[in-house]
Amino acid sequence: MKNFSHKNSPLKGKLKKNELTLGSWLTIPHQAVVEILGTAGFEWLVIDMEHSPISISDALNLIGHIQGNGMQALVRVSKNEEVIIKQVLDAGADGVIIPMIKNKEEAKKAVSFVKYPPVGNRGVGLNRAQRYGTNFESYKKWVNDSVVVIPQIEHIDAVNNLESILNVEGVDGIIVGPYDLSASMGYPGDYNREDVKKALLKVDEITKRNNMPLGFHVIESDFQNTLNKIRKGYTFLAFSIDFFFLGDKARKEMKLLKENL
């Protein structure tokens, strides 16, 4: 079980210093997937509860397996909503990614759901994170020092309000959602359009100007795409996703096999 008596988490420390940190994305709710990804050297995994069938019960087990395999566990919750954020944190998550944050008020609300009073409005409950009632005081300090809050920037309104979002106390950085950003501009999935690329460039410029961690979920399993983001100054990078690592390798090798029969 996670020991919340430790000081700042490695991920929180890197985010504060705006240093490169690499993770990946989890949609298949099985410990074997966590253990396999754990052999690759990722620092953290994101459990996706927005676009996968992962339940809160699944998340509880996955968080434990991620942490037990030397990584930190983030959860992309289904929405900016008090109960789901509270549940995944009480399950022991190291932090949350909150989708579709569009303005300062929504970012403040997200932070308030994460932090206990007087900083926020999170209700007090006892579960795995608090060592089932034996370690609440230590956990409360850990939340103030080490919990990670990442708004997902995936709407054109968020781009236009980005400066104020970044200035919300308790926000540790951002991660870009290019698919939904392009959809909010009327072109779902077409993030190579010039106007969408211009919006993405605006996100880059504002985030770097504010010296905040700039994140991106690079969907492709080819390392070159992630390397390109690193060279452009992105520091909080999710490298691909479980089913693309599995599927891309299987498709590639089967194609080569059939070509050589």
C-alpha atoms as a PDB file:
ATOM      1  CA  MET A   1       0.000   0.000   0.000  1.00  0.00           C
ATOM      2  CA  LYS A   2       1.205   3.501  -0.814  1.00  0.00           C
ATOM      3  CA  ASN A   3       3.040   5.330   1.962  1.00  0.00           C
ATOM      4  CA  PHE A   4       1.773   8.899   2.085  1.00  0.00           C
ATOM      5  CA  SER A   5       4.295   9.890   4.727  1.00  0.00           C
ATOM      6  CA  HIS A   6       6.749  10.508   1.886  1.00  0.00           C
ATOM      7  CA  LYS A   7       7.402  14.073   0.788  1.00  0.00           C
ATOM      8  CA  ASN A   8       6.669  15.334  -2.707  1.00  0.00           C
ATOM      9  CA  SER A   9       6.110  12.688  -5.354  1.00  0.00           C
ATOM     10  CA  PRO A  10       8.710  12.345  -8.148  1.00  0.00           C
ATOM     11  CA  LEU A  11       6.125  13.501 -10.706  1.00  0.00           C
ATOM     12  CA  LYS A  12       5.144  16.561  -8.670  1.00  0.00           C
ATOM     13  CA  GLY A  13       8.816  17.429  -8.279  1.00  0.00           C
ATOM     14  CA  LYS A  14       9.430  17.235 -12.018  1.00  0.00           C
ATOM     15  CA  LEU A  15       6.338  19.294 -12.786  1.00  0.00           C
ATOM     16  CA  LYS A  16       7.460  22.002 -10.353  1.00  0.00           C
ATOM     17  CA  LYS A  17      10.838  22.153 -12.090  1.00  0.00           C
ATOM     18  CA  ASN A  18       9.244  21.791 -15.547  1.00  0.00           C
ATOM     19  CA  GLU A  19      11.446  18.789 -16.286  1.00  0.00           C
ATOM     20  CA  LEU A  20      10.672  16.085 -18.836  1.00  0.00           C
ATOM     21  CA  THR A  21       8.506  13.242 -17.545  1.00  0.00           C
ATOM     22  CA  LEU A  22       7.139  10.361 -19.620  1.00  0.00           C
ATOM     23  CA  GLY A  23       4.111   8.162 -19.088  1.00  0.00           C
ATOM     24  CA  SER A  24       1.499   6.279 -21.072  1.00  0.00           C
ATOM     25  CA  TRP A  25      -2.255   5.681 -21.269  1.00  0.00           C
ATOM     26  CA  LEU A  26      -4.255   2.766 -19.921  1.00  0.00           C
ATOM     27  CA  THR A  27      -7.658   1.661 -21.219  1.00  0.00           C
ATOM     28  CA  ILE A  28      -7.487  -2.128 -20.715  1.00  0.00           C
ATOM     29  CA  PRO A  29      -8.372  -2.829 -17.072  1.00  0.00           C
ATOM     30  CA  HIS A  30      -6.050  -5.729 -16.355  1.00  0.00           C
ATOM     31  CA  GLN A  31      -3.039  -5.954 -14.075  1.00  0.00           C
ATOM     32  CA  ALA A  32      -1.023  -7.794 -16.750  1.00  0.00           C
ATOM     33  CA  VAL A  33      -1.175  -4.718 -18.983  1.00  0.00           C
ATOM     34  CA  VAL A  34       0.105  -2.574 -16.107  1.00  0.00           C
ATOM     35  CA  GLU A  35       2.898  -5.024 -15.373  1.00  0.00           C
ATOM     36  CA  ILE A  36       3.935  -5.220 -19.032  1.00  0.00           C
ATOM     37  CA  LEU A  37       3.996  -1.437 -19.407  1.00  0.00           C
ATOM     38  CA  GLY A  38       5.929  -1.288 -16.136  1.00  0.00           C
ATOM     39  CA  THR A  39       8.822  -3.108 -17.837  1.00  0.00           C
ATOM     40  CA  ALA A  40       9.171  -0.282 -20.382  1.00  0.00           C
ATOM     41  CA  GLY A  41      10.365   2.424 -18.006  1.00  0.00           C
ATOM     42  CA  PHE A  42       7.325   4.706 -17.856  1.00  0.00           C
ATOM     43  CA  GLU A  43       7.214   7.000 -14.832  1.00  0.00           C
ATOM     44  CA  TRP A  44       3.424   7.102 -14.643  1.00  0.00           C
ATOM     45  CA  LEU A  45       0.298   5.725 -16.273  1.00  0.00           C
ATOM     46  CA  VAL A  46      -3.011   7.467 -16.861  1.00  0.00           C
ATOM     47  CA  ILE A  47      -6.111   5.386 -16.185  1.00  0.00           C
ATOM     48  CA  ASP A  48      -8.699   6.610 -18.689  1.00  0.00           C
ATOM     49  CA  MET A  49     -12.183   6.722 -17.183  1.00  0.00           C
ATOM     50  CA  GLU A  50     -13.552   9.078 -19.839  1.00  0.00           C
ATOM     51  CA  HIS A  51     -13.200   7.014 -23.011  1.00  0.00           C
ATOM     52  CA  SER A  52     -12.988   3.440 -21.722  1.00  0.00           C
ATOM     53  CA  PRO A  53     -15.214   1.017 -19.791  1.00  0.00           C
ATOM     54  CA  ILE A  54     -13.003   1.282 -16.685  1.00  0.00           C
ATOM     55  CA  SER A  55     -15.118   1.488 -13.526  1.00  0.00           C
ATOM     56  CA  ILE A  56     -14.229   2.927 -10.131  1.00  0.00           C
ATOM     57  CA  SER A  57     -13.685  -0.645  -8.886  1.00  0.00           C
ATOM     58  CA  ASP A  58     -11.314  -1.292 -11.802  1.00  0.00           C
ATOM     59  CA  ALA A  59      -9.532   1.981 -11.073  1.00  0.00           C
ATOM     60  CA  LEU A  60      -8.963   1.063  -7.424  1.00  0.00           C
ATOM     61  CA  ASN A  61      -7.169  -2.140  -8.428  1.00  0.00           C
ATOM     62  CA  LEU A  62      -5.261  -0.545 -11.290  1.00  0.00           C
ATOM     63  CA  ILE A  63      -3.977   2.260  -9.059  1.00  0.00           C
ATOM     64  CA  GLY A  64      -2.560  -0.312  -6.663  1.00  0.00           C
ATOM     65  CA  HIS A  65      -0.896  -2.305  -9.453  1.00  0.00           C
ATOM     66  CA  ILE A  66       0.575   0.819 -11.069  1.00  0.00           C
ATOM     67  CA  GLN A  67       2.078   1.999  -7.795  1.00  0.00           C
ATOM     68  CA  GLY A  68       3.191  -1.532  -6.950  1.00  0.00           C
ATOM     69  CA  ASN A  69       5.136  -1.617 -10.224  1.00  0.00           C
ATOM     70  CA  GLY A  70       7.134   1.515  -9.429  1.00  0.00           C
ATOM     71  CA  MET A  71       5.035   4.025 -11.347  1.00  0.00           C
ATOM     72  CA  GLN A  72       2.648   6.773 -10.302  1.00  0.00           C
ATOM     73  CA  ALA A  73      -1.056   6.564 -11.035  1.00  0.00           C
ATOM     74  CA  LEU A  74      -2.997   9.395 -12.616  1.00  0.00           C
ATOM     75  CA  VAL A  75      -6.657   9.153 -13.551  1.00  0.00           C
ATOM     76  CA  ARG A  76      -8.374  11.002 -16.353  1.00  0.00           C
ATOM     77  CA  VAL A  77     -11.800  11.307 -14.806  1.00  0.00           C
ATOM     78  CA  SER A  78     -14.986  11.273 -16.849  1.00  0.00           C
ATOM     79  CA  LYS A  79     -15.713  14.960 -16.212  1.00  0.00           C
ATOM     80  CA  ASN A  80     -15.074  17.901 -13.898  1.00  0.00           C
ATOM     81  CA  GLU A  81     -17.347  16.543 -11.199  1.00  0.00           C
ATOM     82  CA  GLU A  82     -16.951  16.347  -7.431  1.00  0.00           C
ATOM     83  CA  VAL A  83     -17.839  12.714  -6.778  1.00  0.00           C
ATOM     84  CA  ILE A  84     -15.645  10.981  -9.373  1.00  0.00           C
ATOM     85  CA  ILE A  85     -12.630  13.158  -8.503  1.00  0.00           C
ATOM     86  CA  LYS A  86     -13.112  12.417  -4.808  1.00  0.00           C
ATOM     87  CA  GLN A  87     -13.534   8.689  -5.443  1.00  0.00           C
ATOM     88  CA  VAL A  88     -10.332   8.206  -7.478  1.00  0.00           C
ATOM     89  CA  LEU A  89      -8.284  10.251  -5.019  1.00  0.00           C
ATOM     90  CA  ASP A  90      -9.688   8.311  -2.061  1.00  0.00           C
ATOM     91  CA  ALA A  91      -8.704   5.183  -4.002  1.00  0.00           C
ATOM     92  CA  GLY A  92      -5.112   6.432  -3.818  1.00  0.00           C
ATOM     93  CA  ALA A  93      -4.490   8.130  -7.177  1.00  0.00           C
ATOM     94  CA  ASP A  94      -1.450  10.399  -7.334  1.00  0.00           C
ATOM     95  CA  GLY A  95      -3.429  12.965  -9.283  1.00  0.00           C
ATOM     96  CA  VAL A  96      -6.141  13.674 -11.810  1.00  0.00           C
ATOM     97  CA  ILE A  97      -6.435  14.877 -15.373  1.00  0.00           C
ATOM     98  CA  ILE A  98      -9.699  16.750 -15.852  1.00  0.00           C
ATOM     99  CA  PRO A  99     -11.163  16.851 -19.367  1.00  0.00           C
ATOM    100  CA  MET A 100     -12.749  19.783 -21.159  1.00  0.00           C
ATOM    101  CA  ILE A 101     -11.645  22.617 -18.869  1.00  0.00           C
ATOM    102  CA  LYS A 102     -12.630  25.801 -20.711  1.00  0.00           C
ATOM    103  CA  ASN A 103     -11.973  28.698 -18.336  1.00  0.00           C
ATOM    104  CA  LYS A 104     -10.570  29.868 -15.010  1.00  0.00           C
ATOM    105  CA  GLU A 105     -13.777  29.166 -13.095  1.00  0.00           C
ATOM    106  CA  GLU A 106     -13.827  25.514 -14.195  1.00  0.00           C
ATOM    107  CA  ALA A 107     -10.138  25.123 -13.312  1.00  0.00           C
ATOM    108  CA  LYS A 108     -10.786  26.569  -9.840  1.00  0.00           C
ATOM    109  CA  LYS A 109     -13.689  24.177  -9.398  1.00  0.00           C
ATOM    110  CA  ALA A 110     -11.445  21.215 -10.301  1.00  0.00           C
ATOM    111  CA  VAL A 111      -8.830  22.241  -7.737  1.00  0.00           C
ATOM    112  CA  SER A 112     -11.527  22.693  -5.106  1.00  0.00           C
ATOM    113  CA  PHE A 113     -12.726  19.110  -5.681  1.00  0.00           C
ATOM    114  CA  VAL A 114      -9.159  17.856  -5.092  1.00  0.00           C
ATOM    115  CA  LYS A 115      -8.134  19.900  -2.042  1.00  0.00           C
ATOM    116  CA  TYR A 116      -9.581  19.780   1.458  1.00  0.00           C
ATOM    117  CA  PRO A 117     -10.846  22.938   3.229  1.00  0.00           C
ATOM    118  CA  PRO A 118      -9.802  25.653   3.696  1.00  0.00           C
ATOM    119  CA  VAL A 119      -8.089  25.470   0.269  1.00  0.00           C
ATOM    120  CA  GLY A 120     -10.875  23.521  -1.454  1.00  0.00           C
ATOM    121  CA  ASN A 121     -14.220  21.865  -0.826  1.00  0.00           C
ATOM    122  CA  ARG A 122     -13.364  18.169  -0.974  1.00  0.00           C
ATOM    123  CA  GLY A 123     -15.390  16.056   1.380  1.00  0.00           C
ATOM    124  CA  VAL A 124     -13.533  13.950   3.926  1.00  0.00           C
ATOM    125  CA  GLY A 125     -13.801  10.210   3.577  1.00  0.00           C
ATOM    126  CA  LEU A 126     -11.595   7.308   4.570  1.00  0.00           C
ATOM    127  CA  ASN A 127     -10.430   4.647   2.143  1.00  0.00           C
ATOM    128  CA  ARG A 128      -7.218   3.295   0.638  1.00  0.00           C
ATOM    129  CA  ALA A 129      -5.578   6.714   0.294  1.00  0.00           C
ATOM    130  CA  GLN A 130      -5.944   7.410   4.003  1.00  0.00           C
ATOM    131  CA  ARG A 131      -4.846   3.856   4.925  1.00  0.00           C
ATOM    132  CA  TYR A 132      -8.414   3.013   5.808  1.00  0.00           C
ATOM    133  CA  GLY A 133      -8.630   5.591   8.564  1.00  0.00           C
ATOM    134  CA  THR A 134      -5.184   5.172  10.115  1.00  0.00           C
ATOM    135  CA  ASN A 135      -3.263   7.883   8.259  1.00  0.00           C
ATOM    136  CA  PHE A 136      -5.552  10.820   7.498  1.00  0.00           C
ATOM    137  CA  GLU A 137      -3.305  13.566   8.914  1.00  0.00           C
ATOM    138  CA  SER A 138      -0.349  12.411   6.834  1.00  0.00           C
ATOM    139  CA  TYR A 139      -2.519  12.082   3.735  1.00  0.00           C
ATOM    140  CA  LYS A 140      -3.956  15.567   4.244  1.00  0.00           C
ATOM    141  CA  LYS A 141      -0.418  16.982   4.182  1.00  0.00           C
ATOM    142  CA  TRP A 142       0.411  14.845   1.143  1.00  0.00           C
ATOM    143  CA  VAL A 143      -2.556  16.318  -0.745  1.00  0.00           C
ATOM    144  CA  ASN A 144      -1.280  19.839  -0.103  1.00  0.00           C
ATOM    145  CA  ASP A 145       2.300  18.988  -1.081  1.00  0.00           C
ATOM    146  CA  SER A 146       2.118  16.311  -3.748  1.00  0.00           C
ATOM    147  CA  VAL A 147      -1.243  15.742  -5.442  1.00  0.00           C
ATOM    148  CA  VAL A 148      -1.209  16.524  -9.183  1.00  0.00           C
ATOM    149  CA  VAL A 149      -3.965  18.488 -10.965  1.00  0.00           C
ATOM    150  CA  ILE A 150      -3.796  18.707 -14.762  1.00  0.00           C
ATOM    151  CA  PRO A 151      -6.553  20.429 -16.773  1.00  0.00           C
ATOM    152  CA  GLN A 152      -6.969  19.062 -20.284  1.00  0.00           C
ATOM    153  CA  ILE A 153      -6.986  21.791 -22.918  1.00  0.00           C
ATOM    154  CA  GLU A 154      -9.236  20.464 -25.670  1.00  0.00           C
ATOM    155  CA  HIS A 155     -11.639  23.244 -26.616  1.00  0.00           C
ATOM    156  CA  ILE A 156     -11.066  26.508 -28.459  1.00  0.00           C
ATOM    157  CA  ASP A 157     -12.557  28.364 -25.466  1.00  0.00           C
ATOM    158  CA  ALA A 158      -9.773  26.907 -23.311  1.00  0.00           C
ATOM    159  CA  VAL A 159      -7.183  28.160 -25.784  1.00  0.00           C
ATOM    160  CA  ASN A 160      -8.644  31.645 -25.607  1.00  0.00           C
ATOM    161  CA  ASN A 161      -8.747  31.508 -21.780  1.00  0.00           C
ATOM    162  CA  LEU A 162      -5.473  29.660 -21.287  1.00  0.00           C
ATOM    163  CA  GLU A 163      -3.539  32.416 -19.521  1.00  0.00           C
ATOM    164  CA  SER A 164      -6.107  32.623 -16.732  1.00  0.00           C
ATOM    165  CA  ILE A 165      -6.345  28.820 -16.456  1.00  0.00           C
ATOM    166  CA  LEU A 166      -2.591  28.528 -15.971  1.00  0.00           C
ATOM    167  CA  ASN A 167      -2.690  31.157 -13.227  1.00  0.00           C
ATOM    168  CA  VAL A 168      -5.137  29.201 -11.062  1.00  0.00           C
ATOM    169  CA  GLU A 169      -3.464  28.182  -7.798  1.00  0.00           C
ATOM    170  CA  GLY A 170      -3.163  24.400  -7.630  1.00  0.00           C
ATOM    171  CA  VAL A 171      -2.879  23.775 -11.389  1.00  0.00           C
ATOM    172  CA  ASP A 172       0.351  21.850 -12.050  1.00  0.00           C
ATOM    173  CA  GLY A 173       0.418  22.026 -15.844  1.00  0.00           C
ATOM    174  CA  ILE A 174      -1.777  21.210 -18.813  1.00  0.00           C
ATOM    175  CA  ILE A 175      -2.191  18.455 -21.365  1.00  0.00           C
ATOM    176  CA  VAL A 176      -3.494  19.110 -24.863  1.00  0.00           C
ATOM    177  CA  GLY A 177      -6.329  17.050 -26.356  1.00  0.00           C
ATOM    178  CA  PRO A 178      -5.915  17.631 -30.115  1.00  0.00           C
ATOM    179  CA  TYR A 179      -8.874  15.538 -31.254  1.00  0.00           C
ATOM    180  CA  ASP A 180     -11.477  17.366 -29.189  1.00  0.00           C
ATOM    181  CA  LEU A 181      -9.811  20.715 -29.850  1.00  0.00           C
ATOM    182  CA  SER A 182     -10.214  20.176 -33.583  1.00  0.00           C
ATOM    183  CA  ALA A 183     -13.809  19.019 -32.975  1.00  0.00           C
ATOM    184  CA  SER A 184     -14.603  22.217 -31.053  1.00  0.00           C
ATOM    185  CA  MET A 185     -13.492  24.134 -34.141  1.00  0.00           C
ATOM    186  CA  GLY A 186     -15.787  22.089 -36.388  1.00  0.00           C
ATOM    187  CA  TYR A 187     -13.236  19.570 -37.726  1.00  0.00           C
ATOM    188  CA  PRO A 188     -13.243  16.406 -35.566  1.00  0.00           C
ATOM    189  CA  GLY A 189      -9.882  14.649 -35.752  1.00  0.00           C
ATOM    190  CA  ASP A 190      -8.427  16.987 -38.387  1.00  0.00           C
ATOM    191  CA  TYR A 191      -5.777  18.586 -36.211  1.00  0.00           C
ATOM    192  CA  ASN A 192      -3.431  19.163 -39.164  1.00  0.00           C
ATOM    193  CA  ARG A 193      -5.633  21.962 -40.527  1.00  0.00           C
ATOM    194  CA  GLU A 194      -3.872  25.317 -40.487  1.00  0.00           C
ATOM    195  CA  ASP A 195      -6.352  26.967 -38.117  1.00  0.00           C
ATOM    196  CA  VAL A 196      -6.154  24.065 -35.667  1.00  0.00           C
ATOM    197  CA  LYS A 197      -2.349  24.069 -35.864  1.00  0.00           C
ATOM    198  CA  LYS A 198      -2.431  27.793 -35.167  1.00  0.00           C
ATOM    199  CA  ALA A 199      -4.528  27.176 -32.034  1.00  0.00           C
ATOM    200  CA  LEU A 200      -2.078  24.482 -30.892  1.00  0.00           C
ATOM    201  CA  LEU A 201       0.829  26.860 -31.452  1.00  0.00           C
ATOM    202  CA  LYS A 202      -0.955  29.462 -29.334  1.00  0.00           C
ATOM    203  CA  VAL A 203      -1.217  26.915 -26.514  1.00  0.00           C
ATOM    204  CA  ASP A 204       2.514  26.211 -26.823  1.00  0.00           C
ATOM    205  CA  GLU A 205       3.468  29.872 -26.715  1.00  0.00           C
ATOM    206  CA  ILE A 206       1.249  30.846 -23.771  1.00  0.00           C
ATOM    207  CA  THR A 207       2.225  27.830 -21.672  1.00  0.00           C
ATOM    208  CA  LYS A 208       5.955  28.308 -22.273  1.00  0.00           C
ATOM    209  CA  ARG A 209       5.691  32.035 -21.573  1.00  0.00           C
ATOM    210  CA  ASN A 210       4.172  31.200 -18.198  1.00  0.00           C
ATOM    211  CA  ASN A 211       6.900  28.580 -17.563  1.00  0.00           C
ATOM    212  CA  MET A 212       4.314  25.873 -16.942  1.00  0.00           C
ATOM    213  CA  PRO A 213       4.577  22.189 -17.926  1.00  0.00           C
ATOM    214  CA  LEU A 214       3.242  21.686 -21.434  1.00  0.00           C
ATOM    215  CA  GLY A 215       1.686  18.270 -21.925  1.00  0.00           C
ATOM    216  CA  PHE A 216       0.447  16.243 -24.873  1.00  0.00           C
ATOM    217  CA  HIS A 217      -0.972  12.776 -25.391  1.00  0.00           C
ATOM    218  CA  VAL A 218       0.926  11.443 -28.417  1.00  0.00           C
ATOM    219  CA  ILE A 219      -1.352   8.720 -29.749  1.00  0.00           C
ATOM    220  CA  GLU A 220       1.044   7.090 -32.231  1.00  0.00           C
ATOM    221  CA  SER A 221       3.271   4.289 -30.922  1.00  0.00           C
ATOM    222  CA  ASP A 222       6.192   5.347 -33.142  1.00  0.00           C
ATOM    223  CA  PHE A 223       8.749   6.957 -30.813  1.00  0.00           C
ATOM    224  CA  GLN A 224       9.603   9.648 -33.361  1.00  0.00           C
ATOM    225  CA  ASN A 225       6.350  11.516 -32.750  1.00  0.00           C
ATOM    226  CA  THR A 226       7.050  11.742 -29.020  1.00  0.00           C
ATOM    227  CA  LEU A 227      10.671  12.732 -29.678  1.00  0.00           C
ATOM    228  CA  ASN A 228       9.445  15.567 -31.891  1.00  0.00           C
ATOM    229  CA  LYS A 229       7.291  16.886 -29.025  1.00  0.00           C
ATOM    230  CA  ILE A 230      10.253  16.738 -26.647  1.00  0.00           C
ATOM    231  CA  ARG A 231      12.331  18.758 -29.099  1.00  0.00           C
ATOM    232  CA  LYS A 232       9.542  21.330 -29.265  1.00  0.00           C
ATOM    233  CA  GLY A 233       9.660  21.845 -25.499  1.00  0.00           C
ATOM    234  CA  TYR A 234       6.867  19.590 -24.246  1.00  0.00           C
ATOM    235  CA  THR A 235       7.714  18.215 -20.803  1.00  0.00           C
ATOM    236  CA  PHE A 236       4.633  16.236 -19.654  1.00  0.00           C
ATOM    237  CA  LEU A 237       4.183  13.571 -22.308  1.00  0.00           C
ATOM    238  CA  ALA A 238       1.936  10.541 -22.505  1.00  0.00           C
ATOM    239  CA  PHE A 239       3.530   8.201 -25.038  1.00  0.00           C
ATOM    240  CA  SER A 240       0.827   6.288 -26.929  1.00  0.00           C
ATOM    241  CA  ILE A 241      -1.769   3.977 -25.429  1.00  0.00           C
ATOM    242  CA  ASP A 242      -1.990   0.323 -24.437  1.00  0.00           C
ATOM    243  CA  PHE A 243      -4.006  -0.904 -27.441  1.00  0.00           C
ATOM    244  CA  PHE A 244      -1.806   0.881 -30.002  1.00  0.00           C
ATOM    245  CA  PHE A 245       1.366  -0.619 -28.527  1.00  0.00           C
ATOM    246  CA  LEU A 246      -0.316  -4.025 -28.806  1.00  0.00           C
ATOM    247  CA  GLY A 247      -2.117  -3.573 -32.109  1.00  0.00           C
ATOM    248  CA  ASP A 248       0.550  -1.697 -34.058  1.00  0.00           C
ATOM    249  CA  LYS A 249       3.192  -4.325 -33.314  1.00  0.00           C
ATOM    250  CA  ALA A 250       0.831  -7.198 -34.162  1.00  0.00           C
ATOM    251  CA  ARG A 251      -0.284  -5.596 -37.435  1.00  0.00           C
ATOM    252  CA  LYS A 252       3.264  -4.727 -38.479  1.00  0.00           C
ATOM    253  CA  GLU A 253       4.691  -8.172 -37.835  1.00  0.00           C
ATOM    254  CA  MET A 254       1.733  -9.972 -39.447  1.00  0.00           C
ATOM    255  CA  LYS A 255       2.064  -7.768 -42.525  1.00  0.00           C
ATOM    256  CA  LEU A 256       5.773  -8.556 -42.779  1.00  0.00           C
ATOM    257  CA  LEU A 257       5.115 -12.253 -42.275  1.00  0.00           C
ATOM    258  CA  LYS A 258       2.501 -12.386 -45.044  1.00  0.00           C
ATOM    259  CA  GLU A 259       4.757 -10.418 -47.400  1.00  0.00           C
ATOM    260  CA  ASN A 260       7.522 -12.966 -46.878  1.00  0.00           C
ATOM    261  CA  LEU A 261       5.504 -16.169 -47.199  1.00  0.00           C
END
